[in-house]
Amino acid sequence: MAKGKSQYCTWFCGDCKRANDISYYDKRRNDEVVKEVSKFCPQCRKHTVHKRKDTKKGN
């Protein structure tokens, strides 16, 4: 993967506002990337809507 072509993002729970997952996506295809997704939150113990926030790797 070439440097500068991918962006890391952190998924935050919509209910408890805690970070649950870190992933990355291709910057060039940003229009196809999902901004909200239903995921399982281990703190809430249920499926909730998670929102994406762009971050640096490891943060």
C-alpha atoms as a PDB file:
ATOM      1  CA  MET A   1       0.000   0.000   0.000  1.00  0.00           C
ATOM      2  CA  ALA A   2       1.449   3.335  -1.023  1.00  0.00           C
ATOM      3  CA  LYS A   3       1.991   6.051   1.547  1.00  0.00           C
ATOM      4  CA  GLY A   4      -0.678   8.741   1.659  1.00  0.00           C
ATOM      5  CA  LYS A   5      -3.381   6.793  -0.164  1.00  0.00           C
ATOM      6  CA  SER A   6      -5.181   5.353   2.844  1.00  0.00           C
ATOM      7  CA  GLN A   7      -6.865   7.016   5.809  1.00  0.00           C
ATOM      8  CA  TYR A   8      -7.335   5.407   9.209  1.00  0.00           C
ATOM      9  CA  CYS A   9     -10.643   5.840  10.978  1.00  0.00           C
ATOM     10  CA  THR A  10     -12.050   4.964  14.380  1.00  0.00           C
ATOM     11  CA  TRP A  11     -15.635   3.775  14.888  1.00  0.00           C
ATOM     12  CA  PHE A  12     -17.466   5.334  17.860  1.00  0.00           C
ATOM     13  CA  CYS A  13     -20.664   4.003  19.444  1.00  0.00           C
ATOM     14  CA  GLY A  14     -23.696   6.274  19.051  1.00  0.00           C
ATOM     15  CA  ASP A  15     -25.007   5.538  22.573  1.00  0.00           C
ATOM     16  CA  CYS A  16     -21.995   5.411  24.895  1.00  0.00           C
ATOM     17  CA  LYS A  17     -19.565   7.380  22.611  1.00  0.00           C
ATOM     18  CA  ARG A  18     -16.706   4.894  23.147  1.00  0.00           C
ATOM     19  CA  ALA A  19     -14.228   3.855  20.472  1.00  0.00           C
ATOM     20  CA  ASN A  20     -14.682   0.223  19.423  1.00  0.00           C
ATOM     21  CA  ASP A  21     -12.809  -0.459  16.204  1.00  0.00           C
ATOM     22  CA  ILE A  22     -10.015   0.943  14.023  1.00  0.00           C
ATOM     23  CA  SER A  23     -10.025   0.417  10.272  1.00  0.00           C
ATOM     24  CA  TYR A  24      -8.816   2.177   7.141  1.00  0.00           C
ATOM     25  CA  TYR A  25     -10.185   3.145   3.751  1.00  0.00           C
ATOM     26  CA  ASP A  26      -8.904   4.428   0.427  1.00  0.00           C
ATOM     27  CA  LYS A  27      -8.878   8.248   0.252  1.00  0.00           C
ATOM     28  CA  ARG A  28      -9.435   8.235  -3.498  1.00  0.00           C
ATOM     29  CA  ARG A  29     -12.782   6.430  -3.103  1.00  0.00           C
ATOM     30  CA  ASN A  30     -14.078   8.505  -0.199  1.00  0.00           C
ATOM     31  CA  ASP A  31     -17.528   8.921  -1.781  1.00  0.00           C
ATOM     32  CA  GLU A  32     -18.129   5.138  -1.591  1.00  0.00           C
ATOM     33  CA  VAL A  33     -17.074   4.828   2.069  1.00  0.00           C
ATOM     34  CA  VAL A  34     -19.791   4.314   4.690  1.00  0.00           C
ATOM     35  CA  LYS A  35     -20.030   6.974   7.401  1.00  0.00           C
ATOM     36  CA  GLU A  36     -22.414   5.076   9.695  1.00  0.00           C
ATOM     37  CA  VAL A  37     -22.741   1.352  10.299  1.00  0.00           C
ATOM     38  CA  SER A  38     -24.554  -0.892  12.769  1.00  0.00           C
ATOM     39  CA  LYS A  39     -21.999  -2.765  14.883  1.00  0.00           C
ATOM     40  CA  PHE A  40     -21.953  -4.638  18.179  1.00  0.00           C
ATOM     41  CA  CYS A  41     -20.814  -2.513  21.120  1.00  0.00           C
ATOM     42  CA  PRO A  42     -19.269  -4.642  23.900  1.00  0.00           C
ATOM     43  CA  GLN A  43     -19.855  -1.896  26.507  1.00  0.00           C
ATOM     44  CA  CYS A  44     -23.580  -1.504  25.669  1.00  0.00           C
ATOM     45  CA  ARG A  45     -23.957  -5.245  24.936  1.00  0.00           C
ATOM     46  CA  LYS A  46     -26.153  -4.568  21.868  1.00  0.00           C
ATOM     47  CA  HIS A  47     -26.017  -3.550  18.209  1.00  0.00           C
ATOM     48  CA  THR A  48     -25.959   0.232  17.829  1.00  0.00           C
ATOM     49  CA  VAL A  49     -25.144   2.755  15.114  1.00  0.00           C
ATOM     50  CA  HIS A  50     -21.429   3.583  14.993  1.00  0.00           C
ATOM     51  CA  LYS A  51     -20.035   6.723  13.400  1.00  0.00           C
ATOM     52  CA  ARG A  52     -16.671   7.095  11.702  1.00  0.00           C
ATOM     53  CA  LYS A  53     -14.028   9.635  12.755  1.00  0.00           C
ATOM     54  CA  ASP A  54     -10.775   9.963  10.809  1.00  0.00           C
ATOM     55  CA  THR A  55      -7.682   9.474  12.954  1.00  0.00           C
ATOM     56  CA  LYS A  56      -3.999   8.756  12.720  1.00  0.00           C
ATOM     57  CA  LYS A  57      -2.824   5.162  13.001  1.00  0.00           C
ATOM     58  CA  GLY A  58      -2.901   3.961  16.609  1.00  0.00           C
ATOM     59  CA  ASN A  59      -4.880   6.906  18.005  1.00  0.00           C
END
